[in-house]
Amino acid sequence: MDLRDEEIEALGTQGFFVRTAFLGEEQARAIHAQAQARAASGGLRPAAIRRGADRSEDTAVRGDFITWLSPEPGSALGGLWEAFAALGEALSRAAYLGLGRFDVQLAHYPGGGARYVRHRDAFPGQSNRRLTAIYYANPDWRPAHGGQLRLYREEAPLDVPPTLDTLVVFLSERLEHEVMPTHAPRLALTAWYYGRDVA
């Protein structure tokens, strides 16, 4: 996978970059179809906040339904998994991030104002997530649907619409972000990358 010089520079200076038309419309629509079928199957569960003994569900904080994905060779979701793997390798080389394993989550926001309040994906100083990559699978998305990803930059927040085949990559410890209230079903597939020292 080829990364653009401006993407590597943006990741270093701003902590994120956005790429539209990541995989192409045909593959993106196939990913949408499989992700939508997975969401419609009833196999997703309400997302929780915090972990371990402090784990709880609070739809005022986070209103999506999730499942974890595994490699699926020969499928559209499997192709996205392979693209995430190639992205991690490319970023490790180009940005010297030393990334190792990654996990992939499918999240479905059902609409009705479901959101995820401002948060970070990792906390500084802990051996956990180092990089977040979010792929959106929402054809025909319109501004009235809401659900933008708000990135809290130093100068001003930036809202990224969750449109089909858009990829957002950011440093997990650095960038606070938020899913704005969503008024239509919204699909996101997120890869979290860990350092090579994390088993």
N, C-alpha and C. Protein backbone atom coordinates (compact mmCIF):
# COMPACT_ATOMS: atom_id res chain seq x y z
N MET A 1 0.84 -1.19 0.00
CA MET A 1 0.00 0.00 0.00
C MET A 1 0.88 1.24 0.00
N ASP A 2 0.56 2.17 -0.87
CA ASP A 2 1.31 3.42 -0.96
C ASP A 2 0.65 4.50 -0.12
N LEU A 3 1.46 5.12 0.73
CA LEU A 3 1.00 6.26 1.51
C LEU A 3 1.55 7.54 0.89
N ARG A 4 0.73 8.57 0.88
CA ARG A 4 1.16 9.84 0.31
C ARG A 4 1.99 10.61 1.31
N ASP A 5 2.94 11.38 0.78
CA ASP A 5 3.81 12.17 1.67
C ASP A 5 2.99 13.08 2.57
N GLU A 6 1.93 13.67 2.01
CA GLU A 6 1.13 14.60 2.81
C GLU A 6 0.36 13.87 3.92
N GLU A 7 0.04 12.57 3.72
CA GLU A 7 -0.62 11.80 4.77
C GLU A 7 0.33 11.54 5.93
N ILE A 8 1.56 11.15 5.63
CA ILE A 8 2.54 10.91 6.68
C ILE A 8 2.84 12.19 7.43
N GLU A 9 2.96 13.29 6.69
CA GLU A 9 3.22 14.59 7.33
C GLU A 9 2.06 14.99 8.22
N ALA A 10 0.83 14.82 7.74
CA ALA A 10 -0.34 15.19 8.54
C ALA A 10 -0.44 14.34 9.80
N LEU A 11 -0.11 13.05 9.71
CA LEU A 11 -0.16 12.20 10.89
C LEU A 11 0.83 12.69 11.95
N GLY A 12 2.00 13.14 11.50
CA GLY A 12 3.00 13.63 12.44
C GLY A 12 2.67 14.99 13.02
N THR A 13 2.13 15.90 12.21
CA THR A 13 1.91 17.26 12.67
C THR A 13 0.54 17.44 13.32
N GLN A 14 -0.50 16.82 12.75
CA GLN A 14 -1.85 17.01 13.25
C GLN A 14 -2.38 15.81 14.03
N GLY A 15 -1.72 14.66 13.85
CA GLY A 15 -2.16 13.45 14.53
C GLY A 15 -3.18 12.64 13.77
N PHE A 16 -3.50 13.03 12.51
CA PHE A 16 -4.49 12.28 11.74
C PHE A 16 -4.35 12.61 10.25
N PHE A 17 -4.97 11.75 9.43
CA PHE A 17 -5.22 12.09 8.03
C PHE A 17 -6.50 11.41 7.58
N VAL A 18 -7.09 11.93 6.52
CA VAL A 18 -8.32 11.41 5.94
C VAL A 18 -8.06 11.11 4.48
N ARG A 19 -8.51 9.92 4.03
CA ARG A 19 -8.42 9.57 2.61
C ARG A 19 -9.80 9.16 2.12
N THR A 20 -10.26 9.78 1.07
CA THR A 20 -11.50 9.36 0.42
C THR A 20 -11.15 8.41 -0.71
N ALA A 21 -12.13 7.64 -1.16
CA ALA A 21 -11.91 6.64 -2.24
C ALA A 21 -10.75 5.72 -1.88
N PHE A 22 -10.83 5.11 -0.70
CA PHE A 22 -9.73 4.27 -0.20
C PHE A 22 -9.60 2.97 -1.00
N LEU A 23 -10.70 2.27 -1.23
CA LEU A 23 -10.65 0.97 -1.90
C LEU A 23 -11.36 0.96 -3.26
N GLY A 24 -12.11 1.98 -3.56
CA GLY A 24 -12.89 2.00 -4.80
C GLY A 24 -14.34 1.64 -4.54
N GLU A 25 -15.23 2.18 -5.37
CA GLU A 25 -16.67 2.05 -5.10
C GLU A 25 -17.16 0.61 -5.14
N GLU A 26 -16.68 -0.18 -6.08
CA GLU A 26 -17.18 -1.56 -6.18
C GLU A 26 -16.88 -2.35 -4.91
N GLN A 27 -15.63 -2.28 -4.45
CA GLN A 27 -15.27 -3.01 -3.23
C GLN A 27 -15.99 -2.41 -2.02
N ALA A 28 -16.11 -1.08 -2.00
CA ALA A 28 -16.78 -0.42 -0.88
C ALA A 28 -18.24 -0.86 -0.77
N ARG A 29 -18.93 -0.97 -1.89
CA ARG A 29 -20.33 -1.39 -1.85
C ARG A 29 -20.46 -2.85 -1.42
N ALA A 30 -19.50 -3.67 -1.80
CA ALA A 30 -19.51 -5.06 -1.35
C ALA A 30 -19.29 -5.15 0.16
N ILE A 31 -18.40 -4.32 0.67
CA ILE A 31 -18.17 -4.27 2.13
C ILE A 31 -19.44 -3.80 2.83
N HIS A 32 -20.08 -2.78 2.27
CA HIS A 32 -21.33 -2.30 2.87
C HIS A 32 -22.37 -3.41 2.92
N ALA A 33 -22.52 -4.16 1.82
CA ALA A 33 -23.54 -5.22 1.78
C ALA A 33 -23.27 -6.27 2.84
N GLN A 34 -22.02 -6.69 3.00
CA GLN A 34 -21.71 -7.71 3.99
C GLN A 34 -21.84 -7.17 5.42
N ALA A 35 -21.39 -5.93 5.63
CA ALA A 35 -21.51 -5.34 6.97
C ALA A 35 -22.97 -5.14 7.34
N GLN A 36 -23.78 -4.70 6.38
CA GLN A 36 -25.21 -4.50 6.64
C GLN A 36 -25.89 -5.82 6.97
N ALA A 37 -25.53 -6.87 6.22
CA ALA A 37 -26.10 -8.19 6.50
C ALA A 37 -25.70 -8.67 7.89
N ARG A 38 -24.47 -8.42 8.30
CA ARG A 38 -24.01 -8.82 9.62
C ARG A 38 -24.80 -8.07 10.70
N ALA A 39 -25.01 -6.77 10.47
CA ALA A 39 -25.77 -5.98 11.44
C ALA A 39 -27.22 -6.43 11.52
N ALA A 40 -27.80 -6.81 10.37
CA ALA A 40 -29.20 -7.22 10.34
C ALA A 40 -29.43 -8.61 10.89
N SER A 41 -28.35 -9.37 11.07
CA SER A 41 -28.48 -10.76 11.52
C SER A 41 -28.83 -10.87 13.00
N GLY A 42 -28.68 -9.78 13.74
CA GLY A 42 -28.96 -9.81 15.17
C GLY A 42 -27.79 -10.26 16.01
N GLY A 43 -26.62 -10.43 15.39
CA GLY A 43 -25.47 -10.91 16.13
C GLY A 43 -24.65 -9.85 16.83
N LEU A 44 -24.99 -8.56 16.63
CA LEU A 44 -24.26 -7.49 17.28
C LEU A 44 -24.82 -7.25 18.69
N ARG A 45 -23.98 -6.80 19.58
CA ARG A 45 -24.41 -6.55 20.96
C ARG A 45 -24.18 -5.09 21.31
N PRO A 46 -24.93 -4.55 22.27
CA PRO A 46 -24.71 -3.16 22.66
C PRO A 46 -23.28 -2.93 23.12
N ALA A 47 -22.70 -1.85 22.64
CA ALA A 47 -21.33 -1.52 23.04
C ALA A 47 -21.31 -1.06 24.49
N ALA A 48 -20.20 -1.35 25.15
CA ALA A 48 -20.04 -0.96 26.55
C ALA A 48 -18.99 0.13 26.66
N ILE A 49 -18.96 0.77 27.81
CA ILE A 49 -17.91 1.71 28.13
C ILE A 49 -17.11 1.14 29.29
N ARG A 50 -15.82 1.42 29.28
CA ARG A 50 -14.87 0.89 30.27
C ARG A 50 -14.73 -0.63 30.12
N ARG A 51 -13.83 -1.18 30.90
CA ARG A 51 -13.51 -2.60 30.79
C ARG A 51 -13.53 -3.26 32.16
N GLY A 52 -13.47 -4.59 32.14
CA GLY A 52 -13.36 -5.35 33.37
C GLY A 52 -14.54 -5.13 34.29
N ALA A 53 -14.25 -4.99 35.60
CA ALA A 53 -15.31 -4.85 36.60
C ALA A 53 -16.09 -3.55 36.43
N ASP A 54 -15.49 -2.54 35.77
CA ASP A 54 -16.15 -1.25 35.57
C ASP A 54 -16.98 -1.21 34.30
N ARG A 55 -17.05 -2.31 33.55
CA ARG A 55 -17.77 -2.33 32.28
C ARG A 55 -19.26 -2.07 32.50
N SER A 56 -19.82 -1.20 31.67
CA SER A 56 -21.24 -0.92 31.77
C SER A 56 -21.76 -0.45 30.42
N GLU A 57 -23.07 -0.46 30.26
CA GLU A 57 -23.71 0.05 29.06
C GLU A 57 -24.44 1.34 29.41
N ASP A 58 -24.21 2.36 28.60
CA ASP A 58 -24.85 3.66 28.84
C ASP A 58 -25.08 4.30 27.48
N THR A 59 -26.30 4.21 26.98
CA THR A 59 -26.59 4.70 25.63
C THR A 59 -26.49 6.22 25.54
N ALA A 60 -26.50 6.92 26.68
CA ALA A 60 -26.29 8.36 26.63
C ALA A 60 -24.84 8.69 26.29
N VAL A 61 -23.93 7.75 26.55
CA VAL A 61 -22.52 7.92 26.25
C VAL A 61 -22.18 7.29 24.91
N ARG A 62 -22.69 6.08 24.70
CA ARG A 62 -22.35 5.32 23.49
C ARG A 62 -23.54 4.47 23.08
N GLY A 63 -24.04 4.69 21.85
CA GLY A 63 -25.28 4.05 21.44
C GLY A 63 -25.17 3.07 20.29
N ASP A 64 -23.95 2.57 20.02
CA ASP A 64 -23.78 1.65 18.89
C ASP A 64 -23.86 0.20 19.33
N PHE A 65 -23.98 -0.69 18.34
CA PHE A 65 -23.95 -2.14 18.53
C PHE A 65 -22.74 -2.66 17.79
N ILE A 66 -22.04 -3.63 18.39
CA ILE A 66 -20.74 -4.02 17.85
C ILE A 66 -20.58 -5.53 17.74
N THR A 67 -19.61 -5.91 16.93
CA THR A 67 -19.08 -7.28 16.92
C THR A 67 -17.63 -7.20 16.49
N TRP A 68 -16.85 -8.19 16.90
CA TRP A 68 -15.44 -8.25 16.50
C TRP A 68 -15.32 -9.16 15.29
N LEU A 69 -14.47 -8.78 14.35
CA LEU A 69 -14.30 -9.54 13.12
C LEU A 69 -12.99 -10.30 13.15
N SER A 70 -12.95 -11.38 12.39
CA SER A 70 -11.73 -12.15 12.20
C SER A 70 -11.48 -12.25 10.69
N PRO A 71 -10.28 -12.66 10.29
CA PRO A 71 -10.00 -12.75 8.84
C PRO A 71 -11.00 -13.66 8.14
N GLU A 72 -11.48 -13.22 6.99
CA GLU A 72 -12.44 -13.99 6.19
C GLU A 72 -11.96 -14.00 4.75
N PRO A 73 -10.98 -14.83 4.42
CA PRO A 73 -10.42 -14.83 3.06
C PRO A 73 -11.49 -15.04 2.00
N GLY A 74 -11.39 -14.27 0.93
CA GLY A 74 -12.32 -14.43 -0.18
C GLY A 74 -13.60 -13.63 -0.07
N SER A 75 -13.79 -12.92 1.05
CA SER A 75 -14.99 -12.12 1.23
C SER A 75 -14.64 -10.64 1.15
N ALA A 76 -15.65 -9.79 1.02
CA ALA A 76 -15.41 -8.35 1.00
C ALA A 76 -14.84 -7.87 2.33
N LEU A 77 -15.41 -8.36 3.44
CA LEU A 77 -14.87 -7.98 4.75
C LEU A 77 -13.45 -8.51 4.93
N GLY A 78 -13.17 -9.68 4.36
CA GLY A 78 -11.81 -10.20 4.38
C GLY A 78 -10.86 -9.32 3.60
N GLY A 79 -11.33 -8.77 2.48
CA GLY A 79 -10.50 -7.85 1.71
C GLY A 79 -10.19 -6.58 2.49
N LEU A 80 -11.16 -6.09 3.27
CA LEU A 80 -10.90 -4.93 4.11
C LEU A 80 -9.90 -5.26 5.20
N TRP A 81 -10.03 -6.46 5.78
CA TRP A 81 -9.05 -6.90 6.80
C TRP A 81 -7.64 -6.87 6.21
N GLU A 82 -7.49 -7.39 4.99
CA GLU A 82 -6.17 -7.39 4.35
C GLU A 82 -5.68 -5.98 4.08
N ALA A 83 -6.60 -5.08 3.72
CA ALA A 83 -6.22 -3.69 3.51
C ALA A 83 -5.77 -3.04 4.81
N PHE A 84 -6.43 -3.36 5.93
CA PHE A 84 -6.00 -2.85 7.23
C PHE A 84 -4.59 -3.38 7.57
N ALA A 85 -4.34 -4.66 7.26
CA ALA A 85 -3.02 -5.22 7.53
C ALA A 85 -1.95 -4.50 6.71
N ALA A 86 -2.23 -4.26 5.44
CA ALA A 86 -1.27 -3.56 4.58
C ALA A 86 -1.07 -2.12 5.05
N LEU A 87 -2.14 -1.49 5.51
CA LEU A 87 -2.04 -0.12 6.03
C LEU A 87 -1.12 -0.07 7.24
N GLY A 88 -1.28 -1.02 8.17
CA GLY A 88 -0.42 -1.05 9.35
C GLY A 88 1.04 -1.24 8.99
N GLU A 89 1.32 -2.13 8.05
CA GLU A 89 2.70 -2.35 7.63
C GLU A 89 3.28 -1.10 6.97
N ALA A 90 2.48 -0.43 6.13
CA ALA A 90 2.95 0.77 5.45
C ALA A 90 3.23 1.89 6.44
N LEU A 91 2.36 2.05 7.43
CA LEU A 91 2.55 3.10 8.42
C LEU A 91 3.74 2.81 9.33
N SER A 92 3.97 1.54 9.63
CA SER A 92 5.13 1.18 10.43
C SER A 92 6.42 1.56 9.71
N ARG A 93 6.44 1.32 8.40
CA ARG A 93 7.64 1.65 7.61
C ARG A 93 7.79 3.16 7.44
N ALA A 94 6.72 3.82 7.01
CA ALA A 94 6.82 5.23 6.61
C ALA A 94 6.84 6.18 7.80
N ALA A 95 6.11 5.84 8.86
CA ALA A 95 6.00 6.75 10.01
C ALA A 95 6.73 6.22 11.24
N TYR A 96 7.42 5.09 11.11
CA TYR A 96 8.22 4.52 12.19
C TYR A 96 7.39 4.31 13.47
N LEU A 97 6.21 3.73 13.30
CA LEU A 97 5.31 3.56 14.43
C LEU A 97 5.50 2.24 15.18
N GLY A 98 6.17 1.28 14.56
CA GLY A 98 6.40 0.01 15.24
C GLY A 98 5.13 -0.73 15.59
N LEU A 99 4.19 -0.77 14.64
CA LEU A 99 2.90 -1.40 14.91
C LEU A 99 3.00 -2.92 14.82
N GLY A 100 2.21 -3.59 15.64
CA GLY A 100 2.13 -5.04 15.63
C GLY A 100 0.73 -5.49 15.28
N ARG A 101 0.11 -6.25 16.17
CA ARG A 101 -1.20 -6.82 15.89
C ARG A 101 -2.28 -5.75 15.86
N PHE A 102 -3.43 -6.12 15.32
CA PHE A 102 -4.57 -5.21 15.32
C PHE A 102 -5.85 -5.99 15.49
N ASP A 103 -6.88 -5.31 15.99
CA ASP A 103 -8.22 -5.86 16.12
C ASP A 103 -9.15 -5.06 15.23
N VAL A 104 -10.20 -5.71 14.73
CA VAL A 104 -11.17 -5.03 13.86
C VAL A 104 -12.57 -5.19 14.45
N GLN A 105 -13.28 -4.08 14.54
CA GLN A 105 -14.63 -4.05 15.10
C GLN A 105 -15.59 -3.46 14.07
N LEU A 106 -16.74 -4.10 13.94
CA LEU A 106 -17.85 -3.55 13.18
C LEU A 106 -18.81 -2.88 14.15
N ALA A 107 -19.12 -1.60 13.89
CA ALA A 107 -20.05 -0.86 14.74
C ALA A 107 -21.23 -0.39 13.90
N HIS A 108 -22.41 -0.59 14.43
CA HIS A 108 -23.64 -0.17 13.76
C HIS A 108 -24.39 0.79 14.69
N TYR A 109 -24.57 2.02 14.22
CA TYR A 109 -25.41 2.99 14.93
C TYR A 109 -26.79 2.94 14.29
N PRO A 110 -27.83 2.66 15.05
CA PRO A 110 -29.15 2.44 14.46
C PRO A 110 -29.89 3.70 14.05
N GLY A 111 -29.34 4.87 14.34
CA GLY A 111 -30.07 6.12 14.13
C GLY A 111 -30.74 6.54 15.42
N GLY A 112 -31.77 7.40 15.31
CA GLY A 112 -32.49 7.83 16.51
C GLY A 112 -31.67 8.67 17.45
N GLY A 113 -30.59 9.30 16.94
CA GLY A 113 -29.74 10.14 17.78
C GLY A 113 -28.61 9.41 18.47
N ALA A 114 -28.39 8.13 18.16
CA ALA A 114 -27.29 7.38 18.78
C ALA A 114 -25.96 8.08 18.50
N ARG A 115 -25.10 8.08 19.50
CA ARG A 115 -23.84 8.82 19.39
C ARG A 115 -22.77 8.14 20.23
N TYR A 116 -21.58 8.72 20.23
CA TYR A 116 -20.51 8.30 21.13
C TYR A 116 -19.80 9.59 21.55
N VAL A 117 -19.90 9.92 22.82
CA VAL A 117 -19.42 11.22 23.30
C VAL A 117 -17.89 11.31 23.19
N ARG A 118 -17.41 12.50 23.38
CA ARG A 118 -15.98 12.81 23.22
C ARG A 118 -15.13 11.89 24.09
N HIS A 119 -14.08 11.33 23.48
CA HIS A 119 -13.21 10.39 24.19
C HIS A 119 -11.91 10.20 23.43
N ARG A 120 -10.98 9.50 24.07
CA ARG A 120 -9.76 9.02 23.41
C ARG A 120 -9.82 7.50 23.35
N ASP A 121 -9.13 6.92 22.36
CA ASP A 121 -9.09 5.46 22.24
C ASP A 121 -8.01 4.83 23.11
N ALA A 122 -7.12 5.63 23.65
CA ALA A 122 -6.04 5.10 24.49
C ALA A 122 -5.58 6.22 25.41
N PHE A 123 -4.87 5.84 26.46
CA PHE A 123 -4.36 6.81 27.41
C PHE A 123 -2.83 6.80 27.38
N PRO A 124 -2.20 7.97 27.38
CA PRO A 124 -0.74 8.03 27.29
C PRO A 124 -0.05 7.21 28.37
N GLY A 125 1.05 6.58 27.98
CA GLY A 125 1.87 5.87 28.94
C GLY A 125 1.50 4.42 29.16
N GLN A 126 0.41 3.97 28.56
CA GLN A 126 0.02 2.57 28.72
C GLN A 126 0.32 1.79 27.43
N SER A 127 0.61 0.52 27.59
CA SER A 127 0.92 -0.32 26.42
C SER A 127 -0.39 -0.82 25.82
N ASN A 128 -1.05 0.06 25.10
CA ASN A 128 -2.30 -0.35 24.49
C ASN A 128 -2.39 0.20 23.07
N ARG A 129 -3.54 0.66 22.65
CA ARG A 129 -3.73 1.09 21.27
C ARG A 129 -2.83 2.28 20.92
N ARG A 130 -2.20 2.16 19.75
CA ARG A 130 -1.33 3.24 19.29
C ARG A 130 -1.93 3.99 18.11
N LEU A 131 -2.70 3.28 17.28
CA LEU A 131 -3.23 3.90 16.08
C LEU A 131 -4.64 3.39 15.82
N THR A 132 -5.52 4.29 15.39
CA THR A 132 -6.90 3.96 15.05
C THR A 132 -7.11 4.23 13.57
N ALA A 133 -7.75 3.29 12.86
CA ALA A 133 -8.12 3.49 11.46
C ALA A 133 -9.60 3.13 11.32
N ILE A 134 -10.40 4.08 10.86
CA ILE A 134 -11.84 3.87 10.73
C ILE A 134 -12.23 3.93 9.26
N TYR A 135 -12.96 2.91 8.82
CA TYR A 135 -13.43 2.83 7.43
C TYR A 135 -14.96 2.91 7.45
N TYR A 136 -15.50 3.80 6.63
CA TYR A 136 -16.95 4.01 6.61
C TYR A 136 -17.58 3.32 5.41
N ALA A 137 -18.73 2.69 5.65
CA ALA A 137 -19.43 1.91 4.63
C ALA A 137 -20.88 2.36 4.53
N ASN A 138 -21.06 3.64 4.22
CA ASN A 138 -22.40 4.25 4.20
C ASN A 138 -22.67 4.91 2.86
N PRO A 139 -23.26 4.20 1.91
CA PRO A 139 -23.61 4.83 0.63
C PRO A 139 -24.76 5.81 0.81
N ASP A 140 -24.80 6.80 -0.06
CA ASP A 140 -25.91 7.76 -0.08
C ASP A 140 -26.05 8.53 1.22
N TRP A 141 -24.94 8.75 1.92
CA TRP A 141 -25.00 9.51 3.16
C TRP A 141 -25.27 10.98 2.87
N ARG A 142 -26.13 11.59 3.67
CA ARG A 142 -26.48 13.00 3.50
C ARG A 142 -26.24 13.75 4.80
N PRO A 143 -25.98 15.07 4.74
CA PRO A 143 -25.73 15.84 5.96
C PRO A 143 -26.83 15.70 7.00
N ALA A 144 -28.08 15.57 6.55
CA ALA A 144 -29.19 15.44 7.50
C ALA A 144 -29.10 14.17 8.34
N HIS A 145 -28.32 13.19 7.89
CA HIS A 145 -28.16 11.95 8.63
C HIS A 145 -27.29 12.13 9.88
N GLY A 146 -26.54 13.24 9.95
CA GLY A 146 -25.66 13.45 11.10
C GLY A 146 -24.55 12.41 11.12
N GLY A 147 -24.14 12.01 12.34
CA GLY A 147 -23.16 10.94 12.49
C GLY A 147 -21.75 11.28 12.07
N GLN A 148 -21.43 12.57 11.95
CA GLN A 148 -20.07 12.94 11.59
C GLN A 148 -19.09 12.52 12.69
N LEU A 149 -17.87 12.23 12.29
CA LEU A 149 -16.78 12.01 13.25
C LEU A 149 -16.15 13.37 13.52
N ARG A 150 -16.28 13.84 14.73
CA ARG A 150 -15.68 15.13 15.10
C ARG A 150 -14.31 14.88 15.71
N LEU A 151 -13.29 15.43 15.04
CA LEU A 151 -11.92 15.31 15.51
C LEU A 151 -11.54 16.63 16.20
N TYR A 152 -11.07 16.53 17.43
CA TYR A 152 -10.74 17.72 18.20
C TYR A 152 -9.28 18.10 17.98
N ARG A 153 -9.08 18.89 16.93
CA ARG A 153 -7.76 19.42 16.63
C ARG A 153 -7.44 20.60 17.56
N GLU A 154 -6.17 21.00 17.59
CA GLU A 154 -5.78 22.12 18.45
C GLU A 154 -6.44 23.41 17.99
N GLU A 155 -6.49 23.63 16.64
CA GLU A 155 -7.00 24.92 16.18
C GLU A 155 -8.52 24.99 16.20
N ALA A 156 -9.20 23.92 15.82
CA ALA A 156 -10.68 23.89 15.79
C ALA A 156 -11.12 22.48 15.46
N PRO A 157 -12.29 22.07 15.94
CA PRO A 157 -12.78 20.73 15.60
C PRO A 157 -12.99 20.59 14.09
N LEU A 158 -12.82 19.39 13.60
CA LEU A 158 -13.06 19.06 12.20
C LEU A 158 -14.09 17.94 12.15
N ASP A 159 -15.16 18.12 11.39
CA ASP A 159 -16.18 17.10 11.22
C ASP A 159 -15.96 16.35 9.91
N VAL A 160 -15.85 15.03 10.01
CA VAL A 160 -15.66 14.17 8.84
C VAL A 160 -16.95 13.39 8.61
N PRO A 161 -17.61 13.55 7.47
CA PRO A 161 -18.83 12.77 7.21
C PRO A 161 -18.48 11.31 6.98
N PRO A 162 -19.31 10.38 7.49
CA PRO A 162 -19.01 8.95 7.38
C PRO A 162 -19.45 8.37 6.03
N THR A 163 -18.97 8.96 4.95
CA THR A 163 -19.41 8.58 3.61
C THR A 163 -18.68 7.32 3.12
N LEU A 164 -19.31 6.65 2.20
CA LEU A 164 -18.79 5.38 1.67
C LEU A 164 -17.35 5.52 1.21
N ASP A 165 -16.50 4.57 1.65
CA ASP A 165 -15.12 4.42 1.21
C ASP A 165 -14.19 5.51 1.74
N THR A 166 -14.58 6.15 2.84
CA THR A 166 -13.71 7.12 3.50
C THR A 166 -12.93 6.43 4.61
N LEU A 167 -11.64 6.73 4.69
CA LEU A 167 -10.75 6.20 5.73
C LEU A 167 -10.22 7.35 6.56
N VAL A 168 -10.32 7.21 7.89
CA VAL A 168 -9.75 8.18 8.82
C VAL A 168 -8.72 7.45 9.68
N VAL A 169 -7.51 8.00 9.76
CA VAL A 169 -6.43 7.38 10.54
C VAL A 169 -5.93 8.42 11.54
N PHE A 170 -5.82 8.02 12.82
CA PHE A 170 -5.31 8.97 13.81
C PHE A 170 -4.58 8.24 14.93
N LEU A 171 -3.74 9.00 15.64
CA LEU A 171 -2.99 8.48 16.77
C LEU A 171 -3.93 8.31 17.96
N SER A 172 -4.03 7.10 18.46
CA SER A 172 -5.05 6.77 19.46
C SER A 172 -4.88 7.56 20.76
N GLU A 173 -3.65 7.81 21.18
CA GLU A 173 -3.41 8.52 22.43
C GLU A 173 -3.59 10.02 22.30
N ARG A 174 -3.47 10.51 21.08
CA ARG A 174 -3.36 11.96 20.90
C ARG A 174 -4.69 12.66 20.64
N LEU A 175 -5.56 12.03 19.86
CA LEU A 175 -6.70 12.76 19.33
C LEU A 175 -8.01 12.38 20.02
N GLU A 176 -8.62 13.36 20.68
CA GLU A 176 -9.97 13.17 21.17
C GLU A 176 -10.94 13.27 19.99
N HIS A 177 -12.01 12.49 20.06
CA HIS A 177 -12.96 12.47 18.95
C HIS A 177 -14.34 12.10 19.48
N GLU A 178 -15.33 12.26 18.62
CA GLU A 178 -16.71 12.07 19.02
C GLU A 178 -17.53 11.68 17.80
N VAL A 179 -18.49 10.77 17.97
CA VAL A 179 -19.48 10.48 16.94
C VAL A 179 -20.71 11.33 17.24
N MET A 180 -21.01 12.24 16.34
CA MET A 180 -22.14 13.14 16.54
C MET A 180 -23.45 12.36 16.41
N PRO A 181 -24.55 12.88 16.98
CA PRO A 181 -25.83 12.16 16.92
C PRO A 181 -26.18 11.74 15.50
N THR A 182 -26.58 10.48 15.39
CA THR A 182 -26.81 9.84 14.10
C THR A 182 -28.31 9.63 13.89
N HIS A 183 -28.79 10.05 12.73
CA HIS A 183 -30.23 10.00 12.46
C HIS A 183 -30.59 9.03 11.34
N ALA A 184 -29.66 8.19 10.97
CA ALA A 184 -29.87 7.12 10.00
C ALA A 184 -28.91 5.99 10.35
N PRO A 185 -29.19 4.76 9.96
CA PRO A 185 -28.25 3.68 10.25
C PRO A 185 -26.85 4.00 9.71
N ARG A 186 -25.83 3.74 10.52
CA ARG A 186 -24.45 4.13 10.21
C ARG A 186 -23.53 2.96 10.50
N LEU A 187 -22.67 2.62 9.54
CA LEU A 187 -21.74 1.51 9.68
C LEU A 187 -20.31 2.02 9.67
N ALA A 188 -19.52 1.55 10.62
CA ALA A 188 -18.10 1.88 10.68
C ALA A 188 -17.32 0.62 11.02
N LEU A 189 -16.19 0.45 10.38
CA LEU A 189 -15.29 -0.67 10.68
C LEU A 189 -13.97 -0.08 11.13
N THR A 190 -13.59 -0.41 12.35
CA THR A 190 -12.42 0.21 12.98
C THR A 190 -11.35 -0.82 13.26
N ALA A 191 -10.11 -0.47 12.89
CA ALA A 191 -8.94 -1.28 13.26
C ALA A 191 -8.15 -0.51 14.31
N TRP A 192 -7.84 -1.18 15.41
CA TRP A 192 -6.96 -0.61 16.43
C TRP A 192 -5.65 -1.38 16.39
N TYR A 193 -4.56 -0.64 16.25
CA TYR A 193 -3.22 -1.22 16.14
C TYR A 193 -2.47 -1.04 17.46
N TYR A 194 -1.77 -2.08 17.84
CA TYR A 194 -0.97 -2.08 19.06
C TYR A 194 0.51 -2.07 18.70
N GLY A 195 1.36 -1.73 19.67
CA GLY A 195 2.79 -1.80 19.46
C GLY A 195 3.27 -3.24 19.37
N ARG A 196 4.46 -3.42 18.85
CA ARG A 196 5.00 -4.78 18.68
C ARG A 196 5.26 -5.46 20.00
N ASP A 197 5.34 -4.67 21.08
CA ASP A 197 5.61 -5.26 22.39
C ASP A 197 4.35 -5.74 23.09
N VAL A 198 3.19 -5.54 22.47
CA VAL A 198 1.92 -5.98 23.07
C VAL A 198 1.53 -7.32 22.48
N ALA A 199 1.28 -8.32 23.33
CA ALA A 199 0.95 -9.67 22.86
C ALA A 199 -0.47 -9.69 22.31
